[in-house]
Protein backbone atom coordinates (compact mmCIF):
# COMPACT_ATOMS: atom_id res chain seq x y z
CA MET A 1 -13.52 5.54 -9.74
CA ALA A 2 -12.37 8.75 -11.40
CA ALA A 3 -10.69 10.48 -8.47
CA LEU A 4 -7.74 8.12 -8.60
CA VAL A 5 -6.96 9.30 -12.13
CA TRP A 6 -6.71 12.94 -11.07
CA LEU A 7 -4.05 11.84 -8.58
CA LEU A 8 -1.91 10.39 -11.33
CA MET A 9 -1.03 13.89 -12.43
CA GLY A 10 0.61 14.66 -9.09
CA PRO A 11 3.60 12.28 -9.31
CA ALA A 12 3.83 13.00 -13.03
CA LEU A 13 4.34 16.69 -12.31
CA TYR A 14 7.02 15.90 -9.77
CA ALA A 15 8.82 13.82 -12.41
CA GLN A 16 9.56 16.88 -14.54
CA PRO A 17 13.23 17.10 -15.59
CA ILE A 18 15.61 18.66 -13.11
CA SER A 19 16.66 22.17 -13.96
CA THR A 20 20.01 22.42 -15.70
CA ASN A 21 20.11 26.18 -15.94
CA GLY A 22 21.85 28.83 -13.97
CA ALA A 23 21.85 31.96 -16.07
CA ASN A 24 18.16 32.77 -16.65
CA THR A 25 17.41 36.47 -16.31
CA PRO A 26 15.60 36.88 -12.99
CA VAL A 27 11.96 37.94 -13.20
CA PRO A 28 11.21 41.02 -11.08
CA HIS A 29 10.61 39.81 -7.55
CA SER A 30 8.47 41.50 -4.92
CA GLY A 31 10.57 40.36 -1.96
CA THR A 32 13.15 42.51 -0.20
CA THR A 33 15.97 40.10 -1.08
CA ALA A 34 16.67 39.51 -4.76
CA PRO A 35 16.54 35.79 -5.59
CA VAL A 36 19.70 34.01 -6.64
CA PHE A 37 17.53 32.04 -9.05
CA GLU A 38 14.01 32.48 -10.38
CA GLN A 39 12.18 30.73 -13.20
CA TRP A 40 8.59 30.57 -14.44
CA SER A 41 7.10 28.14 -16.95
CA VAL A 42 3.70 27.27 -18.39
CA LEU A 43 2.32 23.73 -18.60
CA VAL A 44 0.65 22.75 -21.87
CA MET A 45 -1.35 19.64 -22.71
CA GLU A 46 -3.61 19.09 -25.72
CA ASN A 47 -2.42 22.51 -26.96
CA LYS A 48 -4.07 24.09 -23.93
CA GLN A 49 -2.40 25.97 -21.09
CA CYS A 50 -3.27 23.82 -18.10
CA GLY A 51 -1.07 25.27 -15.39
CA PHE A 52 2.29 26.74 -14.47
CA GLY A 53 5.45 26.09 -12.50
CA SER A 54 7.78 28.42 -10.65
CA THR A 55 11.05 28.13 -8.73
CA ILE A 56 12.43 30.93 -6.56
CA THR A 57 15.61 30.55 -4.48
CA THR A 58 16.89 33.15 -2.02
CA GLU A 59 20.15 33.21 -0.05
CA ASN A 60 20.43 34.07 3.64
CA ASP A 61 23.44 34.59 5.90
CA THR A 62 23.04 32.93 9.29
CA PRO A 63 25.43 32.49 12.26
CA GLY A 64 25.95 28.91 11.06
CA GLY A 65 26.75 29.94 7.48
CA LYS A 66 24.89 30.51 4.23
CA GLN A 67 21.47 28.96 3.74
CA PHE A 68 19.33 28.70 0.63
CA HIS A 69 15.54 28.74 0.71
CA THR A 70 13.80 27.38 -2.39
CA VAL A 71 10.07 27.65 -3.07
CA GLU A 72 8.73 25.52 -5.92
CA VAL A 73 5.10 25.71 -7.07
CA GLU A 74 3.34 23.48 -9.63
CA GLU A 75 -0.29 24.04 -10.56
CA PHE A 76 -2.23 21.80 -12.93
CA VAL A 77 -5.88 22.17 -13.94
CA ALA A 78 -7.87 19.22 -15.28
CA THR A 79 -11.45 19.19 -16.55
CA ARG A 80 -14.14 16.58 -17.06
CA ASP A 81 -17.21 17.28 -19.23
CA LEU A 82 -20.17 15.08 -18.28
CA GLY A 83 -23.16 15.89 -20.45
CA GLY A 84 -22.47 19.61 -20.42
CA GLN A 85 -21.63 19.73 -16.73
CA VAL A 86 -17.93 20.54 -16.47
CA PHE A 87 -16.00 19.37 -13.43
CA THR A 88 -12.73 21.20 -12.77
CA MET A 89 -9.95 20.06 -10.47
CA LYS A 90 -6.85 22.10 -9.70
CA ILE A 91 -3.86 20.26 -8.26
CA THR A 92 -1.37 22.58 -6.58
CA SER A 93 1.94 21.50 -5.08
CA THR A 94 4.04 23.92 -3.02
CA SER A 95 7.46 22.87 -1.75
CA LYS A 96 9.66 24.93 0.58
CA VAL A 97 13.15 23.59 1.27
CA THR A 98 15.92 25.14 3.37
CA GLU A 99 19.43 23.78 2.80
CA ASP A 100 22.94 24.79 3.80
CA ALA A 101 25.82 25.63 1.43
CA ASP A 102 26.68 21.94 1.07
CA GLY A 103 23.16 21.01 0.02
CA VAL A 104 22.14 19.41 3.34
CA VAL A 105 18.37 19.68 3.74
CA LEU A 106 17.73 21.33 7.11
CA ASN A 107 13.94 21.51 6.97
CA PHE A 108 11.08 21.46 4.51
CA GLU A 109 7.36 22.06 4.11
CA GLN A 110 5.24 20.35 1.47
CA GLU A 111 1.64 21.07 0.63
CA THR A 112 -0.43 19.44 -2.09
CA SER A 113 -4.03 20.52 -2.53
CA GLY A 114 -6.71 19.48 -4.96
CA ALA A 115 -10.43 20.03 -4.81
CA GLY A 116 -11.19 19.89 -1.14
CA SER A 117 -8.36 17.68 0.04
CA ASP A 118 -5.04 19.02 1.33
CA ILE A 119 -1.87 17.08 2.10
CA VAL A 120 0.45 19.04 4.35
CA SER A 121 3.72 17.67 5.70
CA SER A 122 6.86 19.13 7.19
CA GLY A 123 10.21 17.84 8.33
CA THR A 124 13.26 18.87 10.32
CA ARG A 125 16.73 17.39 10.36
CA GLU A 126 17.90 15.70 13.53
CA GLY A 127 21.40 14.38 12.91
CA ASP A 128 21.23 11.65 10.27
CA ASP A 129 17.42 11.58 10.33
CA LEU A 130 14.56 13.62 8.98
CA VAL A 131 11.60 13.78 11.35
CA VAL A 132 8.50 14.19 9.19
CA THR A 133 5.01 15.11 10.41
CA SER A 134 1.70 15.05 8.53
CA ARG A 135 -1.92 15.01 9.76
CA GLY A 136 -0.80 14.45 13.33
CA GLN A 137 1.39 11.46 12.45
CA THR A 138 5.20 11.55 12.83
CA GLN A 139 7.78 9.29 11.20
CA ARG A 140 11.56 9.28 11.38
CA TYR A 141 13.49 8.55 8.18
CA HIS A 142 17.21 7.79 8.04
CA ILE A 143 18.49 10.33 5.49
CA PRO A 144 22.19 11.12 6.14
CA PRO A 145 23.07 14.79 5.46
CA LEU A 146 24.58 14.43 1.96
CA SER A 147 22.53 11.44 0.76
CA ALA A 148 19.73 13.61 -0.67
CA LEU A 149 20.78 17.08 -1.85
CA GLY A 150 18.57 20.13 -1.76
CA PRO A 151 17.29 21.77 -4.98
CA GLU A 152 19.79 24.65 -5.04
CA LYS A 153 22.82 22.37 -4.67
CA VAL A 154 21.49 20.11 -7.41
CA ARG A 155 21.01 23.15 -9.66
CA GLN A 156 24.59 24.23 -9.02
CA GLN A 157 25.93 20.76 -9.78
CA THR A 158 24.04 20.53 -13.05
CA LEU A 159 26.01 23.56 -14.26
CA LEU A 160 29.10 21.35 -14.12
CA VAL A 161 27.61 18.74 -16.49
CA PRO A 162 29.37 19.16 -19.88
CA LEU A 163 27.00 19.66 -22.80
CA LYS A 164 28.38 16.98 -25.08
CA PRO A 165 26.65 14.00 -26.73
CA GLY A 166 26.61 10.89 -24.56
CA GLN A 167 27.46 12.68 -21.31
CA THR A 168 25.65 11.07 -18.38
CA PHE A 169 24.80 12.47 -14.95
CA THR A 170 23.36 11.18 -11.67
CA PHE A 171 22.08 13.15 -8.67
CA ASN A 172 20.68 11.97 -5.36
CA THR A 173 17.98 14.56 -4.76
CA PHE A 174 15.52 15.40 -2.01
CA ASP A 175 11.78 15.50 -2.81
CA GLY A 176 9.26 16.68 -0.24
CA GLU A 177 6.64 14.44 -1.83
CA TYR A 178 8.83 11.42 -1.10
CA PRO A 179 10.86 12.28 2.03
CA GLN A 180 11.43 8.68 3.09
CA ALA A 181 14.40 8.10 0.75
CA PRO A 182 16.72 9.91 -1.70
CA VAL A 183 15.31 10.27 -5.21
CA VAL A 184 17.94 9.20 -7.71
CA VAL A 185 17.79 11.13 -10.99
CA LYS A 186 19.78 9.70 -13.90
CA GLY A 187 20.13 11.44 -17.23
CA THR A 188 21.97 11.69 -20.52
CA VAL A 189 22.93 14.56 -22.81
CA VAL A 190 21.66 13.23 -26.15
CA GLY A 191 22.98 15.95 -28.47
CA GLN A 192 22.10 19.11 -30.36
CA GLU A 193 19.10 19.46 -32.68
CA MET A 194 16.84 22.03 -34.28
CA ARG A 195 13.67 22.47 -32.26
CA ASN A 196 10.53 24.46 -33.03
CA VAL A 197 9.69 26.10 -29.72
CA ARG A 198 6.27 27.74 -29.89
CA GLY A 199 6.79 28.86 -33.47
CA THR A 200 10.49 29.71 -33.28
CA GLU A 201 13.25 27.47 -34.67
CA ARG A 202 16.12 27.12 -32.23
CA GLN A 203 19.23 24.97 -32.00
CA LEU A 204 19.13 23.34 -28.58
CA TRP A 205 20.63 20.53 -26.55
CA ARG A 206 18.35 17.59 -25.81
CA LEU A 207 18.64 15.77 -22.48
CA THR A 208 16.70 12.83 -21.09
CA SER A 209 16.24 11.91 -17.43
CA GLU A 210 14.41 9.45 -15.20
CA ALA A 211 13.66 9.57 -11.46
CA SER A 212 13.77 6.49 -9.24
CA ILE A 213 10.34 7.20 -7.75
CA MET A 214 8.76 6.90 -11.22
CA PRO A 215 10.71 4.15 -13.03
CA GLY A 216 9.96 4.03 -16.72
CA LEU A 217 8.66 7.62 -16.84
CA THR A 218 11.27 9.39 -18.95
CA SER A 219 11.38 13.16 -19.29
CA THR A 220 13.03 15.10 -22.09
CA SER A 221 14.33 18.64 -21.78
CA TRP A 222 15.88 21.12 -24.18
CA VAL A 223 18.44 23.73 -23.06
CA ASP A 224 20.49 26.38 -24.85
CA ASP A 225 24.29 26.61 -25.03
CA LYS A 226 24.40 28.26 -21.58
CA SER A 227 22.35 25.45 -20.02
CA ASN A 228 19.26 27.63 -19.72
CA ASP A 229 16.03 25.63 -19.69
CA VAL A 230 13.82 26.22 -22.72
CA GLU A 231 11.31 23.36 -22.95
CA SER A 232 10.59 19.98 -21.39
CA LEU A 233 8.30 17.07 -22.23
CA THR A 234 6.96 14.28 -20.04
CA VAL A 235 4.94 11.57 -21.77
CA ILE A 236 2.44 10.39 -19.15
CA PRO A 237 1.30 6.88 -20.09
CA GLY A 238 -2.39 6.67 -20.88
CA ILE A 239 -2.93 10.40 -20.33
CA GLY A 240 -0.89 12.41 -22.82
CA ASP A 241 2.09 14.66 -23.47
CA LEU A 242 2.79 17.31 -20.84
CA TYR A 243 4.97 20.19 -22.12
CA GLU A 244 6.63 22.85 -20.02
CA PHE A 245 7.85 26.10 -21.62
CA VAL A 246 10.02 28.64 -19.82
CA THR A 247 8.36 32.05 -19.96
CA ASP A 248 7.62 35.03 -17.70
CA ARG A 249 5.37 35.41 -14.71
CA ALA A 250 2.73 37.37 -16.61
CA GLU A 251 1.95 34.48 -18.95
CA CYS A 252 1.86 32.03 -16.07
CA MET A 253 -0.81 34.07 -14.33
CA LYS A 254 -3.26 33.76 -17.24
CA GLN A 255 -6.39 31.73 -16.54
CA PRO A 256 -5.64 28.12 -17.58
CA GLU A 257 -8.03 26.27 -19.90
CA GLY A 258 -7.50 22.88 -18.29
CA ALA A 259 -6.99 19.50 -19.94
CA GLU A 260 -9.25 16.46 -20.15
CA ILE A 261 -7.19 13.60 -18.74
CA PHE A 262 -9.78 11.12 -17.58
CA ALA A 263 -11.47 9.68 -20.67
CA SER A 264 -8.21 8.44 -22.17
CA THR A 265 -7.53 6.26 -19.12
CA LEU A 266 -10.67 4.16 -19.57
CA ILE A 267 -10.19 0.70 -21.06
CA HIS A 268 -12.73 -1.02 -23.28
CA PRO A 269 -12.40 -4.82 -23.05
CA ASN A 270 -12.83 -7.10 -26.05
CA ARG A 271 -16.32 -8.06 -24.86
CA ALA A 272 -18.82 -7.23 -22.17
CA ILE A 273 -19.17 -8.99 -18.82
CA PRO A 274 -22.96 -9.13 -18.32
CA GLU A 275 -24.06 -9.09 -14.68
CA PRO A 276 -20.60 -9.60 -13.14
CA GLN A 277 -22.20 -10.01 -9.68
CA LYS A 278 -23.59 -13.37 -10.84
CA LEU A 279 -20.15 -14.71 -11.78
CA ALA A 280 -17.84 -16.70 -9.55
CA GLN A 281 -14.70 -16.46 -11.65
CA ALA A 282 -13.16 -14.74 -14.66
CA VAL A 283 -9.93 -15.16 -16.61
CA TYR A 284 -8.30 -12.17 -18.30
CA ARG A 285 -5.37 -11.46 -20.56
CA ILE A 286 -3.77 -8.12 -19.68
CA SER A 287 -1.31 -6.62 -22.15
CA CYS A 288 0.35 -3.32 -22.95
CA SER A 289 2.23 -1.84 -25.86
CA ASP A 290 5.66 -2.22 -24.25
CA GLN A 291 6.52 -5.89 -24.73
CA THR A 292 9.91 -5.59 -23.04
CA LYS A 293 8.86 -5.06 -19.42
CA PRO A 294 6.90 -7.33 -17.07
CA LEU A 295 3.44 -6.33 -15.90
CA THR A 296 3.21 -5.76 -12.17
CA LEU A 297 -0.04 -7.36 -11.02
CA TRP A 298 -1.03 -8.77 -7.65
CA ASP A 299 -0.55 -12.51 -7.31
CA GLY A 300 -2.28 -14.20 -4.37
CA GLY A 301 -5.60 -14.70 -2.65
CA GLU A 302 -8.54 -13.99 -4.92
CA GLN A 303 -6.27 -13.18 -7.88
CA LYS A 304 -3.80 -15.61 -9.39
CA VAL A 305 -1.30 -14.95 -12.17
CA LEU A 306 -1.65 -17.97 -14.48
CA THR A 307 1.00 -17.05 -17.06
CA SER A 308 3.33 -14.10 -17.44
CA SER A 309 5.74 -12.85 -20.06
CA PRO A 310 7.05 -9.35 -20.79
CA GLY A 311 4.10 -7.13 -21.70
CA THR A 312 1.42 -9.79 -21.14
CA SER A 313 -0.13 -11.68 -18.23
CA GLU A 314 -3.10 -13.96 -17.84
CA ILE A 315 -4.87 -13.80 -14.49
CA GLU A 316 -7.75 -15.56 -12.78
CA VAL A 317 -10.07 -13.63 -10.45
CA THR A 318 -12.25 -15.64 -8.05
CA VAL A 319 -14.91 -14.03 -5.88
CA PRO A 320 -14.21 -14.97 -2.23
CA ALA A 321 -17.16 -16.74 -0.61
CA TYR A 322 -16.33 -16.18 3.03
CA THR A 323 -19.12 -16.72 5.56
CA PRO A 324 -19.27 -15.81 9.26
CA ALA A 325 -18.41 -19.44 10.01
CA ASP A 326 -14.96 -18.90 8.45
CA ALA A 327 -13.96 -16.50 11.23
CA THR A 328 -11.52 -17.94 13.79
CA TRP A 329 -11.30 -14.93 16.14
CA GLN A 330 -13.48 -12.13 17.53
CA LEU A 331 -13.22 -8.35 17.41
CA PRO A 332 -11.22 -6.45 18.44
CA HIS A 333 -7.99 -8.08 17.29
CA ILE A 334 -4.93 -7.39 19.42
CA ASP A 335 -2.14 -5.32 17.85
CA THR A 336 0.39 -8.02 16.96
CA PRO A 337 3.68 -7.33 15.10
CA GLU A 338 2.36 -9.21 12.06
CA LEU A 339 -0.81 -7.11 11.86
CA HIS A 340 0.44 -3.80 13.28
CA GLN A 341 0.62 -2.05 9.90
CA PHE A 342 -3.02 -3.01 9.24
CA LEU A 343 -4.29 -1.72 12.59
CA GLN A 344 -2.27 1.44 13.20
CA PRO A 345 -3.46 5.01 12.53
CA THR A 346 -1.83 6.74 9.57
CA SER A 347 -1.96 10.18 7.98
CA TYR A 348 -4.91 9.06 5.81
CA LEU A 349 -6.51 6.65 8.27
CA GLU A 350 -7.09 8.68 11.45
CA VAL A 351 -8.23 5.69 13.48
CA ASN A 352 -8.15 7.49 16.84
CA SER A 353 -10.12 10.57 15.81
CA PRO A 354 -13.53 11.02 17.53
CA GLU A 355 -15.31 11.09 14.16
CA ILE A 356 -13.90 7.73 13.05
CA GLN A 357 -14.44 6.14 16.46
CA LYS A 358 -18.08 7.28 16.38
CA LEU A 359 -18.63 5.88 12.88
CA ALA A 360 -17.06 2.56 13.89
CA SER A 361 -19.53 2.29 16.74
CA GLU A 362 -22.42 3.10 14.41
CA ALA A 363 -21.28 0.75 11.65
CA VAL A 364 -20.29 -2.30 13.71
CA GLY A 365 -22.02 -1.86 17.06
CA ASN A 366 -21.46 -4.89 19.27
CA GLU A 367 -20.71 -7.28 16.38
CA LYS A 368 -17.71 -9.49 17.15
CA ASN A 369 -17.54 -11.61 13.99
CA PRO A 370 -14.95 -10.10 11.58
CA VAL A 371 -16.72 -11.34 8.44
CA LYS A 372 -20.04 -9.81 9.51
CA ALA A 373 -18.24 -6.64 10.59
CA ALA A 374 -16.58 -6.24 7.17
CA GLN A 375 -19.94 -6.63 5.43
CA MET A 376 -21.58 -4.14 7.79
CA ILE A 377 -18.82 -1.57 7.21
CA GLU A 378 -19.15 -1.86 3.44
CA SER A 379 -22.91 -1.27 3.59
CA PHE A 380 -22.53 1.58 6.08
CA VAL A 381 -19.96 3.49 4.02
CA ARG A 382 -21.95 3.01 0.81
CA ALA A 383 -24.89 4.82 2.41
CA TYR A 384 -22.82 7.29 4.45
CA ILE A 385 -21.06 8.87 1.43
CA TYR A 386 -24.12 10.27 -0.32
CA LYS A 387 -22.31 12.92 -2.39
CA LYS A 388 -20.74 10.65 -4.99
CA ASP A 389 -18.81 12.93 -7.35
CA LEU A 390 -15.39 13.95 -8.69
CA ASN A 391 -15.00 17.06 -6.57
CA ILE A 392 -12.53 15.53 -4.10
CA GLY A 393 -8.92 14.67 -4.89
CA PHE A 394 -7.84 12.15 -2.26
CA ALA A 395 -9.39 12.95 1.12
CA SER A 396 -8.44 11.23 4.34
CA ALA A 397 -10.94 9.15 6.31
CA GLU A 398 -11.56 11.97 8.80
CA GLU A 399 -12.12 14.51 6.03
CA THR A 400 -14.54 12.12 4.33
CA ALA A 401 -16.37 11.49 7.61
CA LYS A 402 -17.04 15.23 7.83
CA SER A 403 -17.92 15.85 4.17
CA HIS A 404 -19.95 12.72 3.25
CA GLU A 405 -18.43 13.22 -0.21
CA GLY A 406 -16.07 11.45 -2.58
CA ASP A 407 -15.32 8.82 -5.17
CA CYS A 408 -13.72 5.38 -4.89
CA THR A 409 -10.68 6.60 -2.94
CA GLU A 410 -12.78 8.18 -0.21
CA HIS A 411 -14.99 5.07 0.07
CA ALA A 412 -11.89 2.87 0.40
CA VAL A 413 -10.07 4.91 3.05
CA LEU A 414 -13.22 5.34 5.13
CA CYS A 415 -13.87 1.57 5.05
CA ALA A 416 -10.27 0.90 6.06
CA ALA A 417 -10.27 3.45 8.90
CA ILE A 418 -13.60 2.34 10.36
CA GLY A 419 -12.40 -1.25 10.27
CA ARG A 420 -9.22 -0.46 12.18
CA ALA A 421 -11.15 1.62 14.71
CA ALA A 422 -13.28 -1.45 15.37
CA GLY A 423 -10.22 -3.67 15.77
CA LEU A 424 -10.48 -5.16 12.27
CA PRO A 425 -7.17 -5.21 10.33
CA THR A 426 -7.57 -3.53 6.91
CA ARG A 427 -5.67 -2.45 3.82
CA CYS A 428 -6.48 -0.72 0.51
CA VAL A 429 -6.28 -2.08 -3.03
CA VAL A 430 -5.49 -0.15 -6.20
CA GLY A 431 -6.41 -1.71 -9.52
CA LEU A 432 -9.08 -1.76 -12.20
CA GLY A 433 -12.84 -1.83 -11.70
CA TYR A 434 -15.43 -2.79 -14.31
CA ILE A 435 -18.62 -0.88 -15.19
CA PRO A 436 -21.04 -2.98 -17.33
CA PRO A 437 -22.96 -1.48 -20.27
CA GLY A 438 -25.95 0.57 -19.25
CA VAL A 439 -24.92 1.11 -15.63
CA ASP A 440 -25.50 4.68 -14.47
CA GLU A 441 -22.20 5.48 -12.76
CA PRO A 442 -22.02 9.30 -12.87
CA ALA A 443 -18.24 9.57 -13.26
CA VAL A 444 -18.08 7.49 -16.45
CA SER A 445 -21.65 7.26 -17.76
CA ASP A 446 -20.81 9.08 -20.98
CA GLN A 447 -17.91 6.70 -21.68
CA VAL A 448 -19.53 3.32 -21.06
CA ASP A 449 -19.57 1.50 -24.39
CA THR A 450 -23.01 0.07 -25.13
CA ASP A 451 -21.41 -3.21 -26.18
CA THR A 452 -18.43 -3.80 -23.90
CA GLY A 453 -18.61 -1.56 -20.82
CA ILE A 454 -15.34 -0.15 -19.47
CA PHE A 455 -12.54 -0.75 -16.99
CA GLY A 456 -11.22 2.25 -15.06
CA PHE A 457 -8.57 2.71 -12.39
CA HIS A 458 -10.20 2.04 -9.05
CA MET A 459 -9.64 1.61 -5.30
CA TRP A 460 -11.34 -0.56 -2.70
CA ALA A 461 -10.54 -1.98 0.76
CA GLU A 462 -10.00 -5.38 2.34
CA ALA A 463 -10.43 -6.76 5.88
CA TRP A 464 -8.27 -9.52 7.37
CA ILE A 465 -10.19 -12.44 8.90
CA GLY A 466 -7.39 -15.00 9.13
CA PRO A 467 -4.02 -16.02 7.66
CA ASP A 468 -4.06 -15.28 3.90
CA GLN A 469 -7.79 -14.50 4.11
CA TRP A 470 -9.05 -11.03 3.19
CA VAL A 471 -12.68 -9.99 2.72
CA PRO A 472 -13.08 -7.32 -0.04
CA MET A 473 -15.05 -4.17 0.77
CA ASP A 474 -16.07 -2.07 -2.24
CA ALA A 475 -18.53 0.53 -1.03
CA ALA A 476 -18.17 2.71 -4.15
CA LEU A 477 -19.44 0.08 -6.56
CA ASP A 478 -21.98 -2.65 -5.88
CA GLY A 479 -19.60 -4.80 -3.86
CA PHE A 480 -16.69 -6.94 -5.03
CA ASP A 481 -17.15 -9.01 -8.19
CA VAL A 482 -15.01 -10.56 -10.93
CA GLY A 483 -14.61 -7.13 -12.53
CA HIS A 484 -11.92 -6.20 -10.00
CA ILE A 485 -8.28 -6.57 -11.10
CA ALA A 486 -5.71 -5.80 -8.38
CA ILE A 487 -2.43 -4.05 -9.16
CA THR A 488 -1.09 -3.32 -5.67
CA LYS A 489 -2.24 -3.52 -2.05
CA THR A 490 -1.13 -1.18 0.71
CA ALA A 491 -1.57 -0.43 4.40
CA LEU A 492 -1.19 3.31 3.59
CA GLU A 493 1.41 3.61 6.34
CA GLU A 494 3.61 6.23 4.63
CA ILE A 495 3.25 9.93 5.46
CA ASN A 496 2.40 10.59 1.81
CA PRO A 497 1.59 7.33 -0.01
CA LEU A 498 0.59 8.87 -3.35
CA VAL A 499 3.88 8.16 -5.12
CA ASP A 500 3.89 4.54 -3.99
CA LEU A 501 0.26 4.15 -5.05
CA ASN A 502 0.63 5.71 -8.47
CA ALA A 503 4.01 4.36 -9.58
CA PRO A 504 2.70 0.87 -10.48
CA ILE A 505 -0.36 2.39 -12.15
CA LEU A 506 1.64 4.70 -14.40
CA GLN A 507 3.72 1.77 -15.58
CA LEU A 508 0.56 -0.03 -16.72
CA MET A 509 -1.26 2.80 -18.44
CA GLN A 510 0.42 2.78 -21.85
CA ASN A 511 -2.14 1.32 -24.29
CA LEU A 512 -3.33 -1.22 -21.74
CA LYS A 513 -5.64 -3.91 -23.12
CA VAL A 514 -8.00 -6.20 -21.21
CA GLU A 515 -9.31 -9.35 -22.90
CA VAL A 516 -12.03 -11.41 -21.22
CA LEU A 517 -11.03 -15.03 -21.88
CA LYS A 518 -13.46 -16.92 -19.65
CA THR A 519 -16.24 -16.41 -17.13
CA VAL A 520 -17.81 -18.96 -14.76
CA PRO A 521 -21.31 -18.46 -13.26
CA LYS A 522 -21.69 -18.91 -9.51
CA ASN A 523 -24.10 -21.81 -9.92
CA ARG A 524 -21.44 -23.77 -11.83
CA ALA A 525 -18.45 -23.06 -9.59
CA THR A 526 -17.28 -24.12 -6.18
CA THR A 527 -17.93 -21.71 -3.32
CA THR A 528 -14.69 -22.57 -1.53
CA PRO A 529 -12.78 -19.40 -0.61
CA PRO A 530 -9.56 -18.83 -2.58
CA SER A 531 -6.47 -20.30 -1.00
CA GLY A 532 -2.75 -19.85 -1.36
CA GLN A 533 -0.29 -17.43 0.10
CA ASP A 534 -1.40 -13.83 -0.40
CA THR A 535 1.78 -11.92 -1.18
CA ALA A 536 2.73 -8.72 -2.93
CA LYS A 537 5.35 -10.33 -5.12
CA SER A 538 5.23 -9.61 -8.83
CA PRO A 539 4.95 -12.60 -11.16
CA GLU A 540 8.24 -14.09 -12.22
CA THR A 541 9.26 -13.44 -15.80
CA ASP A 542 12.01 -14.77 -18.01
């Protein structure tokens, strides 16, 4: 359950304000070519140094003209203290972008690593497209040359933004973490103000900005009269305030203390749900502090949105009661256009790898019934991952097959990959999972309230057995029960799906409340599987 929370910091780091400086004194550089721009900054959360950021841009003359090569590094360290045993996870993102003098991205490399799981992707321009490769998978994205500008061109254009109250700016930027489309950054120059920066009073300009990949996540930055960056702040919903202070390389290289970001994301409901496995149905009221925006929750299948208004939704969760008799086809399912995205290999679901093919044979054998197969895969993965801990960030199915280690994310992707390898269409679900009082779940055992239990951000998988019929597979917890609230569902088809996974979660994390309104025992409810079109549409709001 906890690993998903570590991942939230990744997109949050990428949402830091764009640089508006151009005159910072270069830090001594070890390379043979002096950089045209260089900046270092420390990351601070809970008054602790928890990482650093750096940007170094060099200029090269080529037969085709000038090129700029920018290397950006972000490192964030998080900790988790469980009964005196401290878990540490370091998330490091390294981006290398080469662009021409007009800002056209020619090629890039992107690497994100965190506790045993690495995400490496690269791309090269071919005309109006970027051809991106990651984990043996290749995708072509239509990104015309000037539709997403490289970091150096964006930096140069920000120098042209007048520092005057009310001035707005918009840039279509390129982000290696989200290469499939331009990232639109919109901002405003708010005005001048006195600001205490690490003990020193300074008169600075305050700017706010928001990136399209993280709607609702606003960053604030402070610059001096020459547009030099001084400080920035990103308020990460449900986690805390992340500050970034411009400094020198020496301070950035100090050992970070790390920040506890997990406990604050846990949600205590208004009352406990005793023995959720014995319940057939539950009704919840979900609300957050921002009463102006709609809540994005899944509506369809086992979860129905009963009522919805800005900031509040009531939902009904029904445990599917599918039996082998409900199956209308036999494994393996043919790769049809409608189900292709749920059967294809992806960068996280290496369906064709020998390891995954072998596990599919072991888990399913000669079973042809898709309902039985889904149940067998869930049981197999629950036993196969015997190292259940927080030491992995977000490993792929193949990595998990080799390590036998992980949290909810690793259980979900391995279930999904094994299913596809057996010819069973699958997808993953991101949402909330419930831990009752007294349950010994190592990731959250010190946080489970003795009266109410807790909800935490969670991931599980689903297998398709027929039109609008999906069998849940939760190998990390004790199967699917009414304590599962879905936020979004995904085939994980993108080269790097982390931004798409985390964006809806971040929008829900600000003072989220869960109220248990009603529960229905299985012996008092119908066992008919849930019906109704299973779609990804958000509930309609006025």
